[in-house]
Amino acid sequence: MTRSTGPHGHRRRRLRTGALVSAGALLLGGPLMGTALGDALVAEPYPDAERHAPSPMPDRVILTPTEDTATSQAVSWRTSSEVMTAQAEISPMAPGPSFDDAATAVPAQSTEPMMADLGFPVRFHTVTFEGLDADTDYLYRVGDGTNWSEWMEFQTASGEAEPFSFIYYGDAQNEVHEHVSRVFRRAFVDRPQADLIVHAGDLVDVSTRDNEWGEWFDAAGWINGGINSLAIPGNHEYRSGVLAPYWDKQFAFPDNGPESVNAEHPETAYHVDYEGVRFIGLNSNLNNDEDMQAQADYLDEALEENPGKWSVVTFHHPVFAMTGSRNNQRVRDYWDPILQEHDVDLVLQGHDHTYGRGHQQNAEQGRSGIHDGTVYVVSVSGAKMYSLNDLGNWTDNGGQPVSTAEGVQLYQLIDVDDDTISYEARTADGVFHDGVRIEKRSNGAKQVYTVDEDGNRVKPGRG
């Protein structure tokens, strides 16, 4: 029988309950007096109101992109309500510590105190650094002039089409502290050079719960302070039809979407250009004719005026649902014709707590496994799972599913080059699950095909 060994060759020993009871009895100076081990050693839960309480020290620091990602950068954070002089400092990257003497101070815009559901008032603060140099590394910190975060760093975009990577997550939503944190860490380890992170909604389960937002920020930790996040709201960012009160205060997304939507639902529909890719976020929760049409008109215009070669659109409710009990007809009716007309490259979605990747049936080219259409993806990063009980919402509405899965947490790594987008989905243990490559020539002609973990094309019937 082979015995497992530790990192130094020592045999690992599996602890057993009996051994723990004996140790406990010894520590207590005698037997446990008949009390069950579980009852004797269970600690009291640490109160959420203390665990997530704010202080003058900044927390929940997060970078969000501006309209001009080459010359400006937004950062937001949270403190207790007594902080009245919120600010940030910024300096060009340096090899040693002397940079802080020449750092430039930038005052923050701060919210009025907000009462969290846990019983404490908080403030959110935002700074937009402007007049930056393109393709340049910067150091920054946030605070109140006395109480500061650590120095963190970011890099501005080049302002031109350049190779870069981004990460995409489906719903985190549930058990974020326990189960989603490892997904965020694994994705960063696999793509530490990523410049953007796309969240396709349902970041939390109940939009008004401060502890859930605290867990979401804690799950990524300092990663949020070094890589731009681009998020759109899911249905769980709403409660009784009202957007999460924190949404536009803890994030600082561009205000360039449809005015009629962002007036009532701020920073939920917008676009960002990054090194040859136009990212467009839409709010699929607004399931009424006026808002859907306003976003359709905006989507059409944003795609028509796209200055880059590539387009990525994200919203929460999928064009093609992964379960027979769901059908997002208005998304298909209002938005999908525009996605197809402009030959959008990637549509990144959530909501269905499964995995699905496919395309339009009319985009297929024979039996080669190659197509020339839009890639639609549904994914999930959290612990809440649904079953794949019916894919008729794809096949009955002109869609062709290619890769599906249930019961697994995933993250997606997407690498953009001049004429290629390489997409890869991995499970929470870092194992390759699905891959696709999009190739686009200078004249716009496109080929899309499934690839294996080595990037080799997978022909139908051989994947």
Protein backbone atom coordinates (compact mmCIF):
# COMPACT_ATOMS: atom_id res chain seq x y z
CA MET A 1 0.00 0.00 0.00
CA THR A 2 1.36 3.43 -0.98
CA ARG A 3 1.40 5.97 1.79
CA SER A 4 0.92 9.67 1.07
CA THR A 5 3.75 11.90 2.14
CA GLY A 6 4.06 15.56 2.92
CA PRO A 7 6.35 18.08 1.26
CA HIS A 8 9.36 16.95 3.29
CA GLY A 9 8.81 13.25 2.90
CA HIS A 10 7.03 12.79 6.21
CA ARG A 11 4.00 10.56 6.13
CA ARG A 12 0.73 12.47 6.47
CA ARG A 13 -1.44 11.26 9.33
CA ARG A 14 -5.19 11.42 9.09
CA LEU A 15 -6.76 12.78 12.28
CA ARG A 16 -9.59 10.75 13.65
CA THR A 17 -12.37 11.78 15.98
CA GLY A 18 -11.17 9.49 18.70
CA ALA A 19 -7.74 11.05 18.65
CA LEU A 20 -9.23 14.51 18.90
CA VAL A 21 -11.41 13.48 21.84
CA SER A 22 -8.39 12.11 23.65
CA ALA A 23 -6.44 15.28 22.99
CA GLY A 24 -9.36 17.36 24.19
CA ALA A 25 -9.67 15.28 27.34
CA LEU A 26 -5.99 15.74 28.05
CA LEU A 27 -6.15 19.47 27.51
CA LEU A 28 -9.15 19.76 29.78
CA GLY A 29 -7.53 17.61 32.42
CA GLY A 30 -10.04 14.81 32.09
CA PRO A 31 -12.89 13.33 30.08
CA LEU A 32 -15.42 15.57 28.31
CA MET A 33 -18.09 14.57 30.82
CA GLY A 34 -20.28 12.99 28.16
CA THR A 35 -20.60 16.16 26.07
CA ALA A 36 -20.47 15.51 22.31
CA LEU A 37 -17.28 16.69 20.65
CA GLY A 38 -19.22 18.82 18.17
CA ASP A 39 -21.02 20.66 20.98
CA ALA A 40 -17.85 21.12 22.99
CA LEU A 41 -15.70 22.62 20.22
CA VAL A 42 -18.13 24.63 18.11
CA ALA A 43 -17.35 28.35 18.29
CA GLU A 44 -19.90 31.10 18.18
CA PRO A 45 -20.34 32.75 14.75
CA TYR A 46 -18.52 36.05 14.50
CA PRO A 47 -21.22 38.70 14.00
CA ASP A 48 -21.56 40.13 10.49
CA ALA A 49 -21.99 43.59 12.01
CA GLU A 50 -18.45 43.34 13.39
CA ARG A 51 -16.88 41.39 10.56
CA HIS A 52 -18.01 43.91 7.93
CA ALA A 53 -17.99 47.08 10.01
CA PRO A 54 -16.30 50.05 8.31
CA SER A 55 -13.56 52.17 9.81
CA PRO A 56 -11.53 55.21 8.74
CA MET A 57 -9.24 52.74 6.98
CA PRO A 58 -10.29 52.28 3.33
CA ASP A 59 -11.74 48.96 2.28
CA ARG A 60 -13.56 47.52 -0.78
CA VAL A 61 -11.12 49.28 -3.09
CA ILE A 62 -11.96 48.66 -6.75
CA LEU A 63 -10.77 49.94 -10.13
CA THR A 64 -13.38 50.61 -12.80
CA PRO A 65 -12.70 51.75 -16.37
CA THR A 66 -13.48 55.19 -17.74
CA GLU A 67 -14.43 56.13 -21.30
CA ASP A 68 -10.77 56.87 -22.05
CA THR A 69 -8.85 53.94 -20.62
CA ALA A 70 -5.54 55.25 -21.98
CA THR A 71 -5.48 58.56 -20.09
CA SER A 72 -7.75 58.15 -17.06
CA GLN A 73 -8.65 55.66 -14.34
CA ALA A 74 -11.43 55.52 -11.73
CA VAL A 75 -11.09 54.00 -8.26
CA SER A 76 -13.73 53.68 -5.54
CA TRP A 77 -13.64 52.60 -1.90
CA ARG A 78 -15.60 52.54 1.36
CA THR A 79 -15.01 53.97 4.83
CA SER A 80 -16.96 54.75 7.97
CA SER A 81 -19.12 57.84 7.76
CA GLU A 82 -16.83 60.14 9.79
CA VAL A 83 -14.30 60.35 6.95
CA MET A 84 -14.72 63.85 5.52
CA THR A 85 -11.45 64.41 3.62
CA ALA A 86 -11.29 61.40 1.31
CA GLN A 87 -8.57 61.58 -1.30
CA ALA A 88 -6.10 59.57 -3.34
CA GLU A 89 -2.45 59.95 -4.22
CA ILE A 90 -0.85 58.84 -7.47
CA SER A 91 2.69 58.54 -8.76
CA PRO A 92 4.42 56.98 -11.75
CA MET A 93 5.83 53.52 -11.05
CA ALA A 94 9.25 53.56 -9.39
CA PRO A 95 11.81 50.93 -8.33
CA GLY A 96 12.16 52.26 -4.79
CA PRO A 97 10.20 54.01 -2.03
CA SER A 98 11.08 57.62 -2.80
CA PHE A 99 8.15 58.02 -5.22
CA ASP A 100 5.74 58.86 -2.42
CA ASP A 101 7.45 62.19 -1.75
CA ALA A 102 6.40 63.41 -5.20
CA ALA A 103 2.95 61.80 -5.32
CA THR A 104 0.07 63.98 -6.49
CA ALA A 105 -3.01 64.28 -4.26
CA VAL A 106 -6.48 64.13 -5.86
CA PRO A 107 -9.63 64.90 -3.83
CA ALA A 108 -12.44 62.35 -3.88
CA GLN A 109 -16.12 62.71 -4.52
CA SER A 110 -17.90 61.24 -1.49
CA THR A 111 -21.45 60.10 -0.95
CA GLU A 112 -23.64 61.23 1.87
CA PRO A 113 -23.64 58.74 4.76
CA MET A 114 -25.67 55.62 3.96
CA MET A 115 -27.09 53.29 6.59
CA ALA A 116 -26.14 49.69 5.92
CA ASP A 117 -28.60 46.97 6.87
CA LEU A 118 -26.15 45.81 9.54
CA GLY A 119 -26.76 49.01 11.48
CA PHE A 120 -23.77 51.24 10.70
CA PRO A 121 -23.42 54.30 8.43
CA VAL A 122 -20.91 54.21 5.59
CA ARG A 123 -19.53 56.48 2.90
CA PHE A 124 -18.30 55.60 -0.55
CA HIS A 125 -15.60 57.63 -2.27
CA THR A 126 -14.46 57.86 -5.88
CA VAL A 127 -11.46 59.45 -7.56
CA THR A 128 -10.88 59.69 -11.30
CA PHE A 129 -7.23 60.11 -12.18
CA GLU A 130 -6.96 62.15 -15.39
CA GLY A 131 -4.22 63.34 -17.71
CA LEU A 132 -2.34 60.06 -17.45
CA ASP A 133 0.11 58.71 -20.00
CA ALA A 134 -0.97 55.79 -22.15
CA ASP A 135 0.51 52.33 -21.58
CA THR A 136 2.10 53.42 -18.31
CA ASP A 137 2.35 51.86 -14.84
CA TYR A 138 1.18 53.92 -11.87
CA LEU A 139 1.15 53.55 -8.10
CA TYR A 140 -1.75 54.89 -6.06
CA ARG A 141 -3.26 54.79 -2.62
CA VAL A 142 -6.55 55.99 -1.12
CA GLY A 143 -7.41 57.38 2.29
CA ASP A 144 -8.22 60.54 4.24
CA GLY A 145 -4.78 62.14 4.40
CA THR A 146 -3.81 60.23 7.54
CA ASN A 147 -5.29 56.76 7.25
CA TRP A 148 -4.16 55.24 3.97
CA SER A 149 -4.48 52.01 2.06
CA GLU A 150 -1.31 50.32 0.89
CA TRP A 151 0.20 51.52 -2.37
CA MET A 152 -1.44 49.64 -5.23
CA GLU A 153 -0.73 49.71 -8.94
CA PHE A 154 -2.45 49.78 -12.32
CA GLN A 155 -1.49 50.20 -15.96
CA THR A 156 -3.26 52.46 -18.43
CA ALA A 157 -4.33 51.10 -21.81
CA SER A 158 -2.21 51.81 -24.85
CA GLY A 159 -4.95 53.65 -26.72
CA GLU A 160 -4.37 51.41 -29.73
CA ALA A 161 -5.18 47.83 -30.65
CA GLU A 162 -2.75 45.68 -28.68
CA PRO A 163 -2.75 42.09 -27.40
CA PHE A 164 -4.36 41.80 -23.96
CA SER A 165 -6.33 39.37 -21.78
CA PHE A 166 -9.52 39.58 -19.78
CA ILE A 167 -11.45 37.30 -17.41
CA TYR A 168 -15.20 36.63 -17.48
CA TYR A 169 -17.37 35.27 -14.65
CA GLY A 170 -20.98 34.17 -14.55
CA ASP A 171 -23.07 34.42 -11.36
CA ALA A 172 -21.17 34.41 -8.06
CA GLN A 173 -24.29 35.11 -5.95
CA ASN A 174 -24.29 32.44 -3.22
CA GLU A 175 -21.71 31.27 -0.66
CA VAL A 176 -19.23 33.73 -2.09
CA HIS A 177 -16.84 33.62 0.86
CA GLU A 178 -16.80 29.83 0.97
CA HIS A 179 -16.81 28.90 -2.70
CA VAL A 180 -16.26 31.81 -5.08
CA SER A 181 -13.02 33.15 -3.60
CA ARG A 182 -11.07 30.15 -4.91
CA VAL A 183 -12.44 30.73 -8.41
CA PHE A 184 -11.32 34.36 -8.36
CA ARG A 185 -7.88 33.38 -7.10
CA ARG A 186 -7.45 30.57 -9.61
CA ALA A 187 -8.41 32.83 -12.53
CA PHE A 188 -5.88 35.43 -11.43
CA VAL A 189 -3.14 32.84 -11.07
CA ASP A 190 -3.89 31.64 -14.60
CA ARG A 191 -4.05 35.17 -16.09
CA PRO A 192 -2.13 37.54 -13.81
CA GLN A 193 -1.60 39.81 -16.81
CA ALA A 194 -5.36 40.29 -17.35
CA ASP A 195 -6.42 43.92 -17.81
CA LEU A 196 -10.18 43.57 -17.28
CA ILE A 197 -12.62 41.37 -15.38
CA VAL A 198 -16.19 41.06 -16.72
CA HIS A 199 -18.97 40.12 -14.26
CA ALA A 200 -22.23 39.13 -15.99
CA GLY A 201 -24.57 39.94 -13.07
CA ASP A 202 -25.78 38.39 -9.82
CA LEU A 203 -22.64 39.29 -7.96
CA VAL A 204 -24.61 38.81 -4.72
CA ASP A 205 -27.85 37.14 -3.70
CA VAL A 206 -29.69 39.92 -1.83
CA SER A 207 -28.77 43.38 -3.07
CA THR A 208 -29.37 45.21 0.22
CA ARG A 209 -27.22 42.95 2.41
CA ASP A 210 -23.93 44.60 3.31
CA ASN A 211 -22.40 41.31 4.42
CA GLU A 212 -22.90 39.83 0.95
CA TRP A 213 -21.20 42.78 -0.73
CA GLY A 214 -18.44 42.47 1.85
CA GLU A 215 -17.93 38.84 0.95
CA TRP A 216 -17.87 39.66 -2.77
CA PHE A 217 -15.16 42.27 -2.29
CA ASP A 218 -13.21 40.04 0.10
CA ALA A 219 -13.31 37.14 -2.35
CA ALA A 220 -11.12 38.99 -4.85
CA GLY A 221 -9.30 41.13 -2.28
CA TRP A 222 -6.47 43.24 -3.64
CA ILE A 223 -7.07 41.91 -7.17
CA ASN A 224 -9.95 44.42 -7.43
CA GLY A 225 -7.51 47.22 -6.72
CA GLY A 226 -5.16 46.25 -9.54
CA ILE A 227 -7.40 45.09 -12.41
CA ASN A 228 -10.37 46.97 -13.86
CA SER A 229 -13.77 45.42 -13.18
CA LEU A 230 -16.65 45.76 -15.62
CA ALA A 231 -19.97 44.58 -14.18
CA ILE A 232 -23.63 44.71 -15.11
CA PRO A 233 -26.55 43.98 -12.74
CA GLY A 234 -28.41 40.71 -12.58
CA ASN A 235 -31.87 40.20 -11.17
CA HIS A 236 -30.36 39.73 -7.70
CA GLU A 237 -28.90 43.24 -7.84
CA TYR A 238 -32.54 44.32 -7.66
CA ARG A 239 -35.04 44.00 -4.83
CA SER A 240 -38.71 44.80 -5.38
CA GLY A 241 -37.70 46.45 -8.64
CA VAL A 242 -35.15 48.75 -7.00
CA LEU A 243 -31.47 48.65 -7.96
CA ALA A 244 -28.96 47.90 -5.21
CA PRO A 245 -28.41 51.17 -3.33
CA TYR A 246 -24.66 50.59 -3.37
CA TRP A 247 -24.39 49.97 -7.15
CA ASP A 248 -23.47 53.40 -8.51
CA LYS A 249 -21.62 54.36 -5.33
CA GLN A 250 -19.22 51.46 -4.97
CA PHE A 251 -18.66 51.32 -8.75
CA ALA A 252 -17.86 54.20 -11.12
CA PHE A 253 -18.77 52.96 -14.58
CA PRO A 254 -19.03 55.37 -17.53
CA ASP A 255 -22.23 57.37 -17.90
CA ASN A 256 -22.40 56.96 -21.68
CA GLY A 257 -25.39 54.63 -22.05
CA PRO A 258 -28.99 55.54 -22.87
CA GLU A 259 -30.04 58.54 -20.79
CA SER A 260 -33.56 57.24 -20.13
CA VAL A 261 -32.13 54.04 -18.62
CA ASN A 262 -29.27 55.49 -16.62
CA ALA A 263 -31.45 58.26 -15.19
CA GLU A 264 -33.37 55.66 -13.17
CA HIS A 265 -30.80 52.85 -13.16
CA PRO A 266 -27.43 54.60 -13.09
CA GLU A 267 -24.33 52.98 -14.55
CA THR A 268 -26.14 49.83 -15.66
CA ALA A 269 -25.78 50.31 -19.43
CA TYR A 270 -22.52 51.67 -20.84
CA HIS A 271 -19.57 50.93 -23.09
CA VAL A 272 -15.80 50.87 -22.71
CA ASP A 273 -13.14 50.75 -25.42
CA TYR A 274 -10.00 48.85 -24.58
CA GLU A 275 -7.13 48.23 -26.99
CA GLY A 276 -9.22 47.33 -30.04
CA VAL A 277 -12.28 45.87 -28.25
CA ARG A 278 -15.55 47.65 -27.56
CA PHE A 279 -17.17 46.23 -24.42
CA ILE A 280 -20.89 47.00 -24.12
CA GLY A 281 -22.93 46.29 -20.99
CA LEU A 282 -26.74 46.20 -20.99
CA ASN A 283 -29.36 45.94 -18.24
CA SER A 284 -31.60 43.00 -19.12
CA ASN A 285 -33.65 43.40 -15.93
CA LEU A 286 -35.65 46.28 -17.45
CA ASN A 287 -38.17 44.09 -19.19
CA ASN A 288 -40.43 46.80 -20.61
CA ASP A 289 -40.78 48.08 -24.14
CA GLU A 290 -39.44 51.57 -23.51
CA ASP A 291 -36.22 50.52 -21.78
CA MET A 292 -35.58 47.55 -24.03
CA GLN A 293 -36.00 49.72 -27.13
CA ALA A 294 -33.81 52.47 -25.71
CA GLN A 295 -31.06 49.95 -25.08
CA ALA A 296 -31.58 48.40 -28.52
CA ASP A 297 -31.09 51.81 -30.15
CA TYR A 298 -28.04 52.43 -27.98
CA LEU A 299 -26.60 49.00 -28.77
CA ASP A 300 -27.08 49.56 -32.50
CA GLU A 301 -25.35 52.93 -32.37
CA ALA A 302 -22.50 51.75 -30.12
CA LEU A 303 -21.77 48.83 -32.45
CA GLU A 304 -22.07 50.98 -35.58
CA GLU A 305 -19.55 53.46 -34.16
CA ASN A 306 -17.17 50.83 -32.76
CA PRO A 307 -13.66 52.13 -33.47
CA GLY A 308 -12.08 48.73 -32.86
CA LYS A 309 -11.98 45.39 -34.61
CA TRP A 310 -13.73 43.37 -31.91
CA SER A 311 -17.01 43.64 -29.98
CA VAL A 312 -18.00 42.00 -26.68
CA VAL A 313 -21.51 42.47 -25.27
CA THR A 314 -22.54 41.40 -21.79
CA PHE A 315 -25.92 41.23 -20.05
CA HIS A 316 -27.46 38.91 -17.50
CA HIS A 317 -30.44 37.08 -19.03
CA PRO A 318 -29.32 34.79 -21.88
CA VAL A 319 -30.50 35.01 -25.46
CA PHE A 320 -30.80 31.21 -25.32
CA ALA A 321 -31.72 29.87 -21.89
CA MET A 322 -30.14 26.70 -20.52
CA THR A 323 -33.31 25.32 -19.00
CA GLY A 324 -36.81 24.69 -20.38
CA SER A 325 -38.45 26.74 -17.62
CA ARG A 326 -36.84 30.00 -18.80
CA ASN A 327 -37.34 32.01 -21.94
CA ASN A 328 -35.99 35.53 -22.37
CA GLN A 329 -38.10 36.37 -25.39
CA ARG A 330 -37.71 40.14 -25.15
CA VAL A 331 -33.91 39.86 -25.11
CA ARG A 332 -34.11 37.82 -28.31
CA ASP A 333 -36.65 40.11 -29.92
CA TYR A 334 -35.06 43.45 -29.11
CA TRP A 335 -31.33 42.77 -28.96
CA ASP A 336 -30.41 39.60 -30.82
CA PRO A 337 -31.20 40.93 -34.33
CA ILE A 338 -28.76 43.78 -33.62
CA LEU A 339 -26.12 41.37 -32.28
CA GLN A 340 -26.39 39.38 -35.50
CA GLU A 341 -26.55 42.40 -37.81
CA HIS A 342 -23.29 43.74 -36.41
CA ASP A 343 -21.71 40.28 -36.16
CA VAL A 344 -20.80 40.71 -32.48
CA ASP A 345 -17.94 38.44 -31.53
CA LEU A 346 -18.79 37.41 -27.94
CA VAL A 347 -22.01 37.64 -25.92
CA LEU A 348 -21.24 36.91 -22.24
CA GLN A 349 -24.22 36.09 -19.98
CA GLY A 350 -25.23 34.51 -16.68
CA HIS A 351 -28.48 33.76 -14.81
CA ASP A 352 -28.92 30.04 -15.56
CA HIS A 353 -26.26 28.60 -13.20
CA THR A 354 -24.99 26.13 -15.80
CA TYR A 355 -22.54 26.36 -18.69
CA GLY A 356 -23.43 26.73 -22.33
CA ARG A 357 -21.59 27.87 -25.42
CA GLY A 358 -22.99 27.96 -28.95
CA HIS A 359 -24.00 30.04 -31.95
CA GLN A 360 -26.81 30.66 -34.42
CA GLN A 361 -27.83 27.72 -36.59
CA ASN A 362 -27.72 29.90 -39.69
CA ALA A 363 -24.05 30.64 -39.05
CA GLU A 364 -22.96 27.03 -39.57
CA GLN A 365 -20.83 26.19 -42.59
CA GLY A 366 -21.57 22.59 -43.57
CA ARG A 367 -20.27 19.82 -41.34
CA SER A 368 -16.80 21.28 -40.81
CA GLY A 369 -17.49 22.57 -37.31
CA ILE A 370 -16.52 26.06 -38.45
CA HIS A 371 -19.01 28.93 -38.38
CA ASP A 372 -18.87 32.66 -38.94
CA GLY A 373 -21.34 33.96 -36.35
CA THR A 374 -21.60 35.30 -32.84
CA VAL A 375 -20.45 33.16 -29.90
CA TYR A 376 -23.03 33.07 -27.08
CA VAL A 377 -21.86 31.97 -23.61
CA VAL A 378 -23.64 31.32 -20.32
CA SER A 379 -21.52 30.58 -17.24
CA VAL A 380 -21.56 30.37 -13.44
CA SER A 381 -18.79 30.96 -10.90
CA GLY A 382 -20.73 30.38 -7.67
CA ALA A 383 -22.03 27.40 -5.72
CA LYS A 384 -25.70 27.59 -6.74
CA MET A 385 -26.33 25.09 -9.55
CA TYR A 386 -29.23 24.30 -11.89
CA SER A 387 -29.82 21.28 -14.11
CA LEU A 388 -29.56 21.07 -17.88
CA ASN A 389 -33.08 19.73 -18.33
CA ASP A 390 -33.95 21.10 -21.78
CA LEU A 391 -32.00 22.87 -24.53
CA GLY A 392 -35.08 23.54 -26.63
CA ASN A 393 -34.75 27.25 -25.94
CA TRP A 394 -31.65 27.09 -28.14
CA THR A 395 -32.80 24.76 -30.88
CA ASP A 396 -36.37 26.07 -31.12
CA ASN A 397 -35.18 29.65 -31.53
CA GLY A 398 -32.40 29.31 -34.08
CA GLY A 399 -29.55 28.52 -31.70
CA GLN A 400 -27.02 25.70 -31.83
CA PRO A 401 -25.48 24.62 -28.50
CA VAL A 402 -21.94 23.29 -28.83
CA SER A 403 -20.66 22.78 -25.27
CA THR A 404 -22.70 22.44 -22.07
CA ALA A 405 -22.13 21.44 -18.44
CA GLU A 406 -23.88 21.37 -15.09
CA GLY A 407 -22.70 21.17 -11.51
CA VAL A 408 -19.34 22.90 -12.02
CA GLN A 409 -18.00 26.33 -11.14
CA LEU A 410 -16.16 28.00 -13.98
CA TYR A 411 -14.06 30.94 -15.01
CA GLN A 412 -13.22 32.07 -18.52
CA LEU A 413 -9.85 33.32 -19.80
CA ILE A 414 -9.99 35.36 -22.99
CA ASP A 415 -6.91 36.46 -24.90
CA VAL A 416 -7.19 39.09 -27.64
CA ASP A 417 -4.60 39.42 -30.38
CA ASP A 418 -4.59 41.32 -33.64
CA ASP A 419 -6.67 38.85 -35.65
CA THR A 420 -7.59 36.23 -33.02
CA ILE A 421 -9.64 35.87 -29.85
CA SER A 422 -8.80 32.72 -27.89
CA TYR A 423 -11.46 31.76 -25.34
CA GLU A 424 -11.06 29.09 -22.69
CA ALA A 425 -13.39 27.97 -19.90
CA ARG A 426 -11.84 26.21 -16.90
CA THR A 427 -13.46 24.59 -13.89
CA ALA A 428 -12.74 25.75 -10.35
CA ASP A 429 -9.90 23.23 -10.02
CA GLY A 430 -8.13 24.77 -13.01
CA VAL A 431 -8.98 21.99 -15.48
CA PHE A 432 -9.72 22.85 -19.11
CA HIS A 433 -13.41 22.52 -19.95
CA ASP A 434 -14.11 24.23 -23.26
CA GLY A 435 -12.33 26.35 -25.82
CA VAL A 436 -13.12 28.34 -28.93
CA ARG A 437 -11.09 30.44 -31.33
CA ILE A 438 -12.35 33.39 -33.35
CA GLU A 439 -10.24 34.44 -36.31
CA LYS A 440 -11.00 37.64 -38.19
CA ARG A 441 -9.28 38.91 -41.29
CA SER A 442 -8.77 42.56 -42.11
CA ASN A 443 -11.80 42.49 -44.43
CA GLY A 444 -14.02 41.27 -41.58
CA ALA A 445 -14.31 37.66 -42.74
CA LYS A 446 -14.55 35.45 -39.67
CA GLN A 447 -14.04 31.81 -38.74
CA VAL A 448 -15.05 30.39 -35.37
CA TYR A 449 -14.22 26.87 -34.22
CA THR A 450 -13.85 24.73 -31.12
CA VAL A 451 -10.33 24.05 -29.82
CA ASP A 452 -8.82 21.69 -27.26
CA GLU A 453 -6.63 22.67 -24.31
CA ASP A 454 -3.60 22.91 -26.60
CA GLY A 455 -5.41 25.25 -28.97
CA ASN A 456 -5.86 22.64 -31.68
CA ARG A 457 -9.05 22.64 -33.68
CA VAL A 458 -11.62 20.00 -32.63
CA LYS A 459 -13.70 18.63 -35.49
CA PRO A 460 -17.31 17.55 -34.90
CA GLY A 461 -17.51 14.11 -33.31
CA ARG A 462 -13.93 14.21 -32.06
CA GLY A 463 -14.19 16.60 -29.09
